[in-house]
Amino acid sequence: VNNIEVVYNGVVLVLKGVSLQVPQGGIVALLGANGAGKSTTLKAIS
């Protein structure tokens, strides 16, 4: 994931330059409180 930004409804900026990597065969965690943008990151990927 390379420096992505995500908006909802064309105006609400939810993800602000998110970058991460997941290696083949690994388990990687994305941690944070409710509303941090974690689920949005997954939906951007899927």
All heavy atoms as atom14 arrays in JSON, in Angstrom:
{
  "sequence": "VNNIEVVYNGVVLVLKGVSLQVPQGGIVALLGANGAGKSTTLKAIS",
  "atom14_mask": [
    [1, 1, 1, 1, 1, 1, 1, 0, 0, 0, 0, 0, 0, 0],
    [1, 1, 1, 1, 1, 1, 1, 1, 0, 0, 0, 0, 0, 0],
    [1, 1, 1, 1, 1, 1, 1, 1, 0, 0, 0, 0, 0, 0],
    [1, 1, 1, 1, 1, 1, 1, 1, 0, 0, 0, 0, 0, 0],
    [1, 1, 1, 1, 1, 1, 1, 1, 1, 0, 0, 0, 0, 0],
    [1, 1, 1, 1, 1, 1, 1, 0, 0, 0, 0, 0, 0, 0],
    [1, 1, 1, 1, 1, 1, 1, 0, 0, 0, 0, 0, 0, 0],
    [1, 1, 1, 1, 1, 1, 1, 1, 1, 1, 1, 1, 0, 0],
    [1, 1, 1, 1, 1, 1, 1, 1, 0, 0, 0, 0, 0, 0],
    [1, 1, 1, 1, 0, 0, 0, 0, 0, 0, 0, 0, 0, 0],
    [1, 1, 1, 1, 1, 1, 1, 0, 0, 0, 0, 0, 0, 0],
    [1, 1, 1, 1, 1, 1, 1, 0, 0, 0, 0, 0, 0, 0],
    [1, 1, 1, 1, 1, 1, 1, 1, 0, 0, 0, 0, 0, 0],
    [1, 1, 1, 1, 1, 1, 1, 0, 0, 0, 0, 0, 0, 0],
    [1, 1, 1, 1, 1, 1, 1, 1, 0, 0, 0, 0, 0, 0],
    [1, 1, 1, 1, 1, 1, 1, 1, 1, 0, 0, 0, 0, 0],
    [1, 1, 1, 1, 0, 0, 0, 0, 0, 0, 0, 0, 0, 0],
    [1, 1, 1, 1, 1, 1, 1, 0, 0, 0, 0, 0, 0, 0],
    [1, 1, 1, 1, 1, 1, 0, 0, 0, 0, 0, 0, 0, 0],
    [1, 1, 1, 1, 1, 1, 1, 1, 0, 0, 0, 0, 0, 0],
    [1, 1, 1, 1, 1, 1, 1, 1, 1, 0, 0, 0, 0, 0],
    [1, 1, 1, 1, 1, 1, 1, 0, 0, 0, 0, 0, 0, 0],
    [1, 1, 1, 1, 1, 1, 1, 0, 0, 0, 0, 0, 0, 0],
    [1, 1, 1, 1, 1, 1, 1, 1, 1, 0, 0, 0, 0, 0],
    [1, 1, 1, 1, 0, 0, 0, 0, 0, 0, 0, 0, 0, 0],
    [1, 1, 1, 1, 0, 0, 0, 0, 0, 0, 0, 0, 0, 0],
    [1, 1, 1, 1, 1, 1, 1, 1, 0, 0, 0, 0, 0, 0],
    [1, 1, 1, 1, 1, 1, 1, 0, 0, 0, 0, 0, 0, 0],
    [1, 1, 1, 1, 1, 0, 0, 0, 0, 0, 0, 0, 0, 0],
    [1, 1, 1, 1, 1, 1, 1, 1, 0, 0, 0, 0, 0, 0],
    [1, 1, 1, 1, 1, 1, 1, 1, 0, 0, 0, 0, 0, 0],
    [1, 1, 1, 1, 0, 0, 0, 0, 0, 0, 0, 0, 0, 0],
    [1, 1, 1, 1, 1, 0, 0, 0, 0, 0, 0, 0, 0, 0],
    [1, 1, 1, 1, 1, 1, 1, 1, 0, 0, 0, 0, 0, 0],
    [1, 1, 1, 1, 0, 0, 0, 0, 0, 0, 0, 0, 0, 0],
    [1, 1, 1, 1, 1, 0, 0, 0, 0, 0, 0, 0, 0, 0],
    [1, 1, 1, 1, 0, 0, 0, 0, 0, 0, 0, 0, 0, 0],
    [1, 1, 1, 1, 1, 1, 1, 1, 1, 0, 0, 0, 0, 0],
    [1, 1, 1, 1, 1, 1, 0, 0, 0, 0, 0, 0, 0, 0],
    [1, 1, 1, 1, 1, 1, 1, 0, 0, 0, 0, 0, 0, 0],
    [1, 1, 1, 1, 1, 1, 1, 0, 0, 0, 0, 0, 0, 0],
    [1, 1, 1, 1, 1, 1, 1, 1, 0, 0, 0, 0, 0, 0],
    [1, 1, 1, 1, 1, 1, 1, 1, 1, 0, 0, 0, 0, 0],
    [1, 1, 1, 1, 1, 0, 0, 0, 0, 0, 0, 0, 0, 0],
    [1, 1, 1, 1, 1, 1, 1, 1, 0, 0, 0, 0, 0, 0],
    [1, 1, 1, 1, 1, 1, 0, 0, 0, 0, 0, 0, 0, 0]
  ],
  "atom14_positions": [
    [[0.87, -1.18, 0.0], [0.0, 0.0, 0.0], [0.91, 1.22, 0.0], [1.74, 1.38, 0.89], [-0.93, 0.0, 1.23], [-1.8, 1.26, 1.25], [-1.81, -1.25, 1.23], [0.0, 0.0, 0.0], [0.0, 0.0, 0.0], [0.0, 0.0, 0.0], [0.0, 0.0, 0.0], [0.0, 0.0, 0.0], [0.0, 0.0, 0.0], [0.0, 0.0, 0.0]],
    [[0.75, 2.08, -1.01], [1.68, 3.18, -1.23], [1.0, 4.54, -1.08], [0.35, 5.02, -2.01], [2.29, 3.09, -2.64], [2.97, 1.77, -2.91], [3.89, 1.39, -2.21], [2.5, 1.05, -3.93], [0.0, 0.0, 0.0], [0.0, 0.0, 0.0], [0.0, 0.0, 0.0], [0.0, 0.0, 0.0], [0.0, 0.0, 0.0], [0.0, 0.0, 0.0]],
    [[1.1, 5.12, 0.11], [0.74, 6.53, 0.33], [-0.69, 6.85, -0.13], [-0.93, 7.85, -0.8], [1.75, 7.43, -0.4], [1.71, 8.86, 0.1], [1.51, 9.11, 1.29], [1.89, 9.82, -0.8], [0.0, 0.0, 0.0], [0.0, 0.0, 0.0], [0.0, 0.0, 0.0], [0.0, 0.0, 0.0], [0.0, 0.0, 0.0], [0.0, 0.0, 0.0]],
    [[-1.65, 6.0, 0.26], [-3.01, 6.22, -0.24], [-3.77, 7.24, 0.61], [-3.56, 7.36, 1.82], [-3.83, 4.91, -0.32], [-4.04, 4.29, 1.07], [-3.2, 3.93, -1.29], [-5.07, 3.16, 1.07], [0.0, 0.0, 0.0], [0.0, 0.0, 0.0], [0.0, 0.0, 0.0], [0.0, 0.0, 0.0], [0.0, 0.0, 0.0], [0.0, 0.0, 0.0]],
    [[-4.62, 7.98, -0.07], [-5.58, 8.86, 0.58], [-6.97, 8.45, 0.14], [-7.19, 8.13, -1.04], [-5.32, 10.33, 0.22], [-4.0, 10.85, 0.78], [-3.82, 12.36, 0.57], [-4.7, 12.98, -0.08], [-2.8, 12.89, 1.03], [0.0, 0.0, 0.0], [0.0, 0.0, 0.0], [0.0, 0.0, 0.0], [0.0, 0.0, 0.0], [0.0, 0.0, 0.0]],
    [[-7.92, 8.44, 1.09], [-9.29, 8.02, 0.81], [-10.24, 9.1, 1.29], [-10.09, 9.64, 2.4], [-9.62, 6.69, 1.52], [-11.12, 6.4, 1.5], [-8.86, 5.54, 0.86], [0.0, 0.0, 0.0], [0.0, 0.0, 0.0], [0.0, 0.0, 0.0], [0.0, 0.0, 0.0], [0.0, 0.0, 0.0], [0.0, 0.0, 0.0], [0.0, 0.0, 0.0]],
    [[-11.22, 9.41, 0.44], [-12.28, 10.33, 0.84], [-13.63, 9.62, 0.74], [-13.81, 8.73, -0.08], [-12.31, 11.62, -0.02], [-11.04, 12.41, 0.13], [-12.58, 11.28, -1.48], [0.0, 0.0, 0.0], [0.0, 0.0, 0.0], [0.0, 0.0, 0.0], [0.0, 0.0, 0.0], [0.0, 0.0, 0.0], [0.0, 0.0, 0.0], [0.0, 0.0, 0.0]],
    [[-14.57, 10.04, 1.58], [-15.95, 9.6, 1.5], [-16.82, 10.78, 1.05], [-16.59, 11.92, 1.46], [-16.43, 9.08, 2.85], [-16.01, 7.65, 3.13], [-14.94, 7.37, 3.97], [-16.7, 6.59, 2.57], [-14.55, 6.06, 4.24], [-16.33, 5.28, 2.83], [-15.25, 5.02, 3.66], [-14.87, 3.72, 3.91], [0.0, 0.0, 0.0], [0.0, 0.0, 0.0]],
    [[-17.8, 10.47, 0.22], [-18.73, 11.48, -0.28], [-18.03, 12.65, -0.95], [-18.56, 13.77, -0.99], [-19.64, 11.99, 0.85], [-20.48, 10.87, 1.44], [-21.11, 10.1, 0.71], [-20.48, 10.76, 2.76], [0.0, 0.0, 0.0], [0.0, 0.0, 0.0], [0.0, 0.0, 0.0], [0.0, 0.0, 0.0], [0.0, 0.0, 0.0], [0.0, 0.0, 0.0]],
    [[-16.82, 12.41, -1.43], [-16.08, 13.42, -2.17], [-15.46, 14.52, -1.32], [-14.75, 15.37, -1.85], [0.0, 0.0, 0.0], [0.0, 0.0, 0.0], [0.0, 0.0, 0.0], [0.0, 0.0, 0.0], [0.0, 0.0, 0.0], [0.0, 0.0, 0.0], [0.0, 0.0, 0.0], [0.0, 0.0, 0.0], [0.0, 0.0, 0.0], [0.0, 0.0, 0.0]],
    [[-15.7, 14.51, -0.01], [-15.22, 15.62, 0.81], [-14.52, 15.2, 2.12], [-13.65, 15.92, 2.6], [-16.37, 16.59, 1.17], [-16.85, 17.32, -0.08], [-17.52, 15.87, 1.84], [0.0, 0.0, 0.0], [0.0, 0.0, 0.0], [0.0, 0.0, 0.0], [0.0, 0.0, 0.0], [0.0, 0.0, 0.0], [0.0, 0.0, 0.0], [0.0, 0.0, 0.0]],
    [[-14.9, 14.07, 2.7], [-14.38, 13.69, 4.01], [-13.11, 12.87, 3.85], [-13.15, 11.72, 3.37], [-15.43, 12.89, 4.82], [-14.88, 12.56, 6.21], [-16.73, 13.66, 4.93], [0.0, 0.0, 0.0], [0.0, 0.0, 0.0], [0.0, 0.0, 0.0], [0.0, 0.0, 0.0], [0.0, 0.0, 0.0], [0.0, 0.0, 0.0], [0.0, 0.0, 0.0]],
    [[-11.98, 13.46, 4.22], [-10.69, 12.78, 4.1], [-10.5, 11.83, 5.29], [-10.42, 12.27, 6.43], [-9.55, 13.81, 4.06], [-8.14, 13.26, 3.86], [-8.01, 12.54, 2.52], [-7.12, 14.39, 3.96], [0.0, 0.0, 0.0], [0.0, 0.0, 0.0], [0.0, 0.0, 0.0], [0.0, 0.0, 0.0], [0.0, 0.0, 0.0], [0.0, 0.0, 0.0]],
    [[-10.44, 10.54, 5.0], [-10.38, 9.52, 6.06], [-8.99, 8.93, 6.2], [-8.49, 8.76, 7.31], [-11.42, 8.41, 5.79], [-11.34, 7.33, 6.86], [-12.83, 8.99, 5.72], [0.0, 0.0, 0.0], [0.0, 0.0, 0.0], [0.0, 0.0, 0.0], [0.0, 0.0, 0.0], [0.0, 0.0, 0.0], [0.0, 0.0, 0.0], [0.0, 0.0, 0.0]],
    [[-8.34, 8.59, 5.09], [-6.97, 8.08, 5.13], [-6.04, 9.13, 4.56], [-6.33, 9.74, 3.52], [-6.83, 6.79, 4.33], [-7.65, 5.59, 4.8], [-7.28, 4.35, 3.99], [-7.48, 5.33, 6.29], [0.0, 0.0, 0.0], [0.0, 0.0, 0.0], [0.0, 0.0, 0.0], [0.0, 0.0, 0.0], [0.0, 0.0, 0.0], [0.0, 0.0, 0.0]],
    [[-4.91, 9.35, 5.24], [-4.03, 10.47, 4.93], [-2.6, 9.97, 4.71], [-1.77, 10.03, 5.61], [-4.08, 11.48, 6.08], [-5.52, 11.89, 6.45], [-5.61, 12.53, 7.82], [-7.05, 12.8, 8.21], [-7.2, 13.32, 9.58], [0.0, 0.0, 0.0], [0.0, 0.0, 0.0], [0.0, 0.0, 0.0], [0.0, 0.0, 0.0], [0.0, 0.0, 0.0]],
    [[-2.35, 9.44, 3.54], [-1.0, 9.0, 3.21], [-0.6, 7.71, 3.88], [0.49, 7.61, 4.45], [0.0, 0.0, 0.0], [0.0, 0.0, 0.0], [0.0, 0.0, 0.0], [0.0, 0.0, 0.0], [0.0, 0.0, 0.0], [0.0, 0.0, 0.0], [0.0, 0.0, 0.0], [0.0, 0.0, 0.0], [0.0, 0.0, 0.0], [0.0, 0.0, 0.0]],
    [[-1.44, 6.69, 3.8], [-1.18, 5.41, 4.47], [-0.31, 4.52, 3.58], [-0.63, 4.29, 2.4], [-2.51, 4.69, 4.8], [-2.24, 3.25, 5.27], [-3.28, 5.47, 5.85], [0.0, 0.0, 0.0], [0.0, 0.0, 0.0], [0.0, 0.0, 0.0], [0.0, 0.0, 0.0], [0.0, 0.0, 0.0], [0.0, 0.0, 0.0], [0.0, 0.0, 0.0]],
    [[0.76, 4.02, 4.16], [1.64, 3.07, 3.48], [1.91, 1.89, 4.41], [2.15, 2.07, 5.6], [2.98, 3.71, 3.09], [2.8, 4.77, 2.16], [0.0, 0.0, 0.0], [0.0, 0.0, 0.0], [0.0, 0.0, 0.0], [0.0, 0.0, 0.0], [0.0, 0.0, 0.0], [0.0, 0.0, 0.0], [0.0, 0.0, 0.0], [0.0, 0.0, 0.0]],
    [[1.86, 0.68, 3.85], [2.2, -0.52, 4.62], [2.53, -1.66, 3.67], [2.21, -1.59, 2.48], [1.07, -0.92, 5.58], [-0.32, -1.22, 5.02], [-0.44, -2.67, 4.53], [-1.39, -0.96, 6.08], [0.0, 0.0, 0.0], [0.0, 0.0, 0.0], [0.0, 0.0, 0.0], [0.0, 0.0, 0.0], [0.0, 0.0, 0.0], [0.0, 0.0, 0.0]],
    [[3.17, -2.69, 4.21], [3.54, -3.86, 3.42], [3.12, -5.12, 4.17], [3.15, -5.17, 5.4], [5.05, -3.92, 3.19], [5.62, -2.8, 2.37], [7.11, -2.96, 2.14], [7.74, -3.89, 2.67], [7.69, -2.07, 1.35], [0.0, 0.0, 0.0], [0.0, 0.0, 0.0], [0.0, 0.0, 0.0], [0.0, 0.0, 0.0], [0.0, 0.0, 0.0]],
    [[2.76, -6.15, 3.4], [2.49, -7.47, 3.97], [3.31, -8.48, 3.17], [3.09, -8.65, 1.97], [0.99, -7.84, 3.89], [0.76, -9.21, 4.52], [0.14, -6.78, 4.59], [0.0, 0.0, 0.0], [0.0, 0.0, 0.0], [0.0, 0.0, 0.0], [0.0, 0.0, 0.0], [0.0, 0.0, 0.0], [0.0, 0.0, 0.0], [0.0, 0.0, 0.0]],
    [[4.28, -9.15, 3.82], [5.11, -10.1, 3.09], [4.37, -11.41, 2.83], [3.43, -11.77, 3.55], [6.29, -10.32, 4.05], [5.71, -10.09, 5.41], [4.68, -9.0, 5.23], [0.0, 0.0, 0.0], [0.0, 0.0, 0.0], [0.0, 0.0, 0.0], [0.0, 0.0, 0.0], [0.0, 0.0, 0.0], [0.0, 0.0, 0.0], [0.0, 0.0, 0.0]],
    [[4.8, -12.12, 1.8], [4.25, -13.43, 1.5], [4.41, -14.34, 2.72], [5.47, -14.46, 3.3], [5.0, -14.04, 0.31], [4.63, -15.49, 0.0], [3.29, -15.59, -0.68], [3.02, -14.84, -1.61], [2.46, -16.5, -0.23], [0.0, 0.0, 0.0], [0.0, 0.0, 0.0], [0.0, 0.0, 0.0], [0.0, 0.0, 0.0], [0.0, 0.0, 0.0]],
    [[3.3, -14.98, 3.15], [3.35, -15.93, 4.25], [3.39, -15.31, 5.63], [3.55, -16.02, 6.62], [0.0, 0.0, 0.0], [0.0, 0.0, 0.0], [0.0, 0.0, 0.0], [0.0, 0.0, 0.0], [0.0, 0.0, 0.0], [0.0, 0.0, 0.0], [0.0, 0.0, 0.0], [0.0, 0.0, 0.0], [0.0, 0.0, 0.0], [0.0, 0.0, 0.0]],
    [[3.21, -14.0, 5.73], [3.3, -13.34, 7.03], [1.94, -13.07, 7.66], [0.89, -13.24, 7.04], [0.0, 0.0, 0.0], [0.0, 0.0, 0.0], [0.0, 0.0, 0.0], [0.0, 0.0, 0.0], [0.0, 0.0, 0.0], [0.0, 0.0, 0.0], [0.0, 0.0, 0.0], [0.0, 0.0, 0.0], [0.0, 0.0, 0.0], [0.0, 0.0, 0.0]],
    [[1.98, -12.65, 8.92], [0.81, -12.1, 9.6], [1.2, -10.71, 10.08], [2.16, -10.55, 10.84], [0.37, -12.94, 10.82], [0.19, -14.41, 10.48], [-0.93, -12.38, 11.39], [-0.26, -15.25, 11.67], [0.0, 0.0, 0.0], [0.0, 0.0, 0.0], [0.0, 0.0, 0.0], [0.0, 0.0, 0.0], [0.0, 0.0, 0.0], [0.0, 0.0, 0.0]],
    [[0.47, -9.72, 9.6], [0.75, -8.32, 9.94], [-0.49, -7.74, 10.59], [-1.62, -8.0, 10.16], [1.13, -7.52, 8.67], [1.24, -6.02, 8.98], [2.44, -8.04, 8.09], [0.0, 0.0, 0.0], [0.0, 0.0, 0.0], [0.0, 0.0, 0.0], [0.0, 0.0, 0.0], [0.0, 0.0, 0.0], [0.0, 0.0, 0.0], [0.0, 0.0, 0.0]],
    [[-0.29, -6.96, 11.65], [-1.4, -6.33, 12.36], [-1.48, -4.85, 12.04], [-0.46, -4.17, 11.88], [-1.24, -6.51, 13.87], [0.0, 0.0, 0.0], [0.0, 0.0, 0.0], [0.0, 0.0, 0.0], [0.0, 0.0, 0.0], [0.0, 0.0, 0.0], [0.0, 0.0, 0.0], [0.0, 0.0, 0.0], [0.0, 0.0, 0.0], [0.0, 0.0, 0.0]],
    [[-2.71, -4.37, 11.94], [-2.99, -2.94, 11.85], [-3.8, -2.59, 13.09], [-4.96, -2.99, 13.22], [-3.77, -2.63, 10.57], [-4.07, -1.16, 10.26], [-2.8, -0.33, 10.22], [-4.82, -1.05, 8.94], [0.0, 0.0, 0.0], [0.0, 0.0, 0.0], [0.0, 0.0, 0.0], [0.0, 0.0, 0.0], [0.0, 0.0, 0.0], [0.0, 0.0, 0.0]],
    [[-3.15, -1.89, 14.02], [-3.73, -1.64, 15.34], [-4.2, -0.2, 15.45], [-3.7, 0.68, 14.77], [-2.68, -1.92, 16.42], [-1.97, -3.27, 16.35], [-0.84, -3.32, 17.39], [-2.96, -4.41, 16.57], [0.0, 0.0, 0.0], [0.0, 0.0, 0.0], [0.0, 0.0, 0.0], [0.0, 0.0, 0.0], [0.0, 0.0, 0.0], [0.0, 0.0, 0.0]],
    [[-5.13, 0.02, 16.35], [-5.6, 1.38, 16.59], [-6.97, 1.39, 17.21], [-7.67, 0.37, 17.24], [0.0, 0.0, 0.0], [0.0, 0.0, 0.0], [0.0, 0.0, 0.0], [0.0, 0.0, 0.0], [0.0, 0.0, 0.0], [0.0, 0.0, 0.0], [0.0, 0.0, 0.0], [0.0, 0.0, 0.0], [0.0, 0.0, 0.0], [0.0, 0.0, 0.0]],
    [[-7.35, 2.54, 17.71], [-8.65, 2.68, 18.36], [-9.77, 2.72, 17.33], [-9.53, 2.83, 16.12], [-8.66, 3.96, 19.2], [0.0, 0.0, 0.0], [0.0, 0.0, 0.0], [0.0, 0.0, 0.0], [0.0, 0.0, 0.0], [0.0, 0.0, 0.0], [0.0, 0.0, 0.0], [0.0, 0.0, 0.0], [0.0, 0.0, 0.0], [0.0, 0.0, 0.0]],
    [[-10.99, 2.64, 17.81], [-12.15, 2.74, 16.94], [-12.15, 4.1, 16.21], [-11.91, 5.13, 16.82], [-13.42, 2.6, 17.78], [-14.66, 2.46, 16.92], [-14.64, 1.81, 15.88], [-15.75, 3.06, 17.35], [0.0, 0.0, 0.0], [0.0, 0.0, 0.0], [0.0, 0.0, 0.0], [0.0, 0.0, 0.0], [0.0, 0.0, 0.0], [0.0, 0.0, 0.0]],
    [[-12.38, 4.07, 14.9], [-12.4, 5.31, 14.14], [-11.05, 5.76, 13.62], [-10.95, 6.83, 13.0], [0.0, 0.0, 0.0], [0.0, 0.0, 0.0], [0.0, 0.0, 0.0], [0.0, 0.0, 0.0], [0.0, 0.0, 0.0], [0.0, 0.0, 0.0], [0.0, 0.0, 0.0], [0.0, 0.0, 0.0], [0.0, 0.0, 0.0], [0.0, 0.0, 0.0]],
    [[-10.01, 4.95, 13.8], [-8.67, 5.35, 13.36], [-8.5, 5.26, 11.85], [-7.59, 5.87, 11.29], [-7.61, 4.5, 14.06], [0.0, 0.0, 0.0], [0.0, 0.0, 0.0], [0.0, 0.0, 0.0], [0.0, 0.0, 0.0], [0.0, 0.0, 0.0], [0.0, 0.0, 0.0], [0.0, 0.0, 0.0], [0.0, 0.0, 0.0], [0.0, 0.0, 0.0]],
    [[-9.34, 4.45, 11.18], [-9.21, 4.28, 9.74], [-8.8, 2.88, 9.33], [-8.52, 2.63, 8.15], [0.0, 0.0, 0.0], [0.0, 0.0, 0.0], [0.0, 0.0, 0.0], [0.0, 0.0, 0.0], [0.0, 0.0, 0.0], [0.0, 0.0, 0.0], [0.0, 0.0, 0.0], [0.0, 0.0, 0.0], [0.0, 0.0, 0.0], [0.0, 0.0, 0.0]],
    [[-8.79, 1.96, 10.29], [-8.31, 0.6, 10.01], [-9.22, -0.13, 9.02], [-8.76, -0.7, 8.04], [-8.21, -0.2, 11.31], [-7.4, 0.47, 12.41], [-7.26, -0.41, 13.65], [-8.57, -0.85, 14.27], [-9.42, 0.28, 14.72], [0.0, 0.0, 0.0], [0.0, 0.0, 0.0], [0.0, 0.0, 0.0], [0.0, 0.0, 0.0], [0.0, 0.0, 0.0]],
    [[-10.52, -0.13, 9.3], [-11.46, -0.83, 8.41], [-11.49, -0.19, 7.03], [-11.6, -0.89, 6.02], [-12.87, -0.83, 9.02], [-12.91, -1.6, 10.2], [0.0, 0.0, 0.0], [0.0, 0.0, 0.0], [0.0, 0.0, 0.0], [0.0, 0.0, 0.0], [0.0, 0.0, 0.0], [0.0, 0.0, 0.0], [0.0, 0.0, 0.0], [0.0, 0.0, 0.0]],
    [[-11.36, 1.12, 6.97], [-11.31, 1.8, 5.67], [-10.1, 1.34, 4.87], [-10.17, 1.16, 3.64], [-11.28, 3.33, 5.86], [-12.49, 3.74, 6.51], [-11.15, 4.05, 4.54], [0.0, 0.0, 0.0], [0.0, 0.0, 0.0], [0.0, 0.0, 0.0], [0.0, 0.0, 0.0], [0.0, 0.0, 0.0], [0.0, 0.0, 0.0], [0.0, 0.0, 0.0]],
    [[-8.98, 1.13, 5.55], [-7.78, 0.63, 4.87], [-8.04, -0.74, 4.25], [-7.68, -0.99, 3.09], [-6.6, 0.56, 5.85], [-6.37, 1.86, 6.41], [-5.34, 0.09, 5.15], [0.0, 0.0, 0.0], [0.0, 0.0, 0.0], [0.0, 0.0, 0.0], [0.0, 0.0, 0.0], [0.0, 0.0, 0.0], [0.0, 0.0, 0.0], [0.0, 0.0, 0.0]],
    [[-8.68, -1.63, 5.01], [-8.99, -2.95, 4.47], [-9.93, -2.84, 3.27], [-9.76, -3.54, 2.27], [-9.63, -3.84, 5.54], [-8.76, -4.28, 6.72], [-9.44, -5.4, 7.49], [-7.37, -4.72, 6.27], [0.0, 0.0, 0.0], [0.0, 0.0, 0.0], [0.0, 0.0, 0.0], [0.0, 0.0, 0.0], [0.0, 0.0, 0.0], [0.0, 0.0, 0.0]],
    [[-10.94, -1.99, 3.37], [-11.9, -1.85, 2.27], [-11.24, -1.24, 1.03], [-11.63, -1.55, -0.1], [-13.09, -1.02, 2.72], [-13.98, -1.74, 3.73], [-15.09, -0.86, 4.27], [-15.92, -1.61, 5.3], [-16.96, -0.76, 5.92], [0.0, 0.0, 0.0], [0.0, 0.0, 0.0], [0.0, 0.0, 0.0], [0.0, 0.0, 0.0], [0.0, 0.0, 0.0]],
    [[-10.26, -0.38, 1.24], [-9.51, 0.16, 0.1], [-8.77, -0.97, -0.62], [-8.7, -1.0, -1.86], [-8.53, 1.22, 0.57], [0.0, 0.0, 0.0], [0.0, 0.0, 0.0], [0.0, 0.0, 0.0], [0.0, 0.0, 0.0], [0.0, 0.0, 0.0], [0.0, 0.0, 0.0], [0.0, 0.0, 0.0], [0.0, 0.0, 0.0], [0.0, 0.0, 0.0]],
    [[-8.23, -1.92, 0.15], [-7.5, -3.04, -0.43], [-8.44, -4.0, -1.15], [-8.15, -4.48, -2.25], [-6.71, -3.78, 0.66], [-5.63, -2.87, 1.26], [-6.07, -5.06, 0.1], [-5.05, -3.37, 2.57], [0.0, 0.0, 0.0], [0.0, 0.0, 0.0], [0.0, 0.0, 0.0], [0.0, 0.0, 0.0], [0.0, 0.0, 0.0], [0.0, 0.0, 0.0]],
    [[-9.59, -4.29, -0.53], [-10.5, -5.32, -1.06], [-11.49, -4.78, -2.09], [-12.28, -5.54, -2.64], [-11.28, -5.97, 0.08], [-12.11, -5.03, 0.75], [0.0, 0.0, 0.0], [0.0, 0.0, 0.0], [0.0, 0.0, 0.0], [0.0, 0.0, 0.0], [0.0, 0.0, 0.0], [0.0, 0.0, 0.0], [0.0, 0.0, 0.0], [0.0, 0.0, 0.0]]
  ]
}
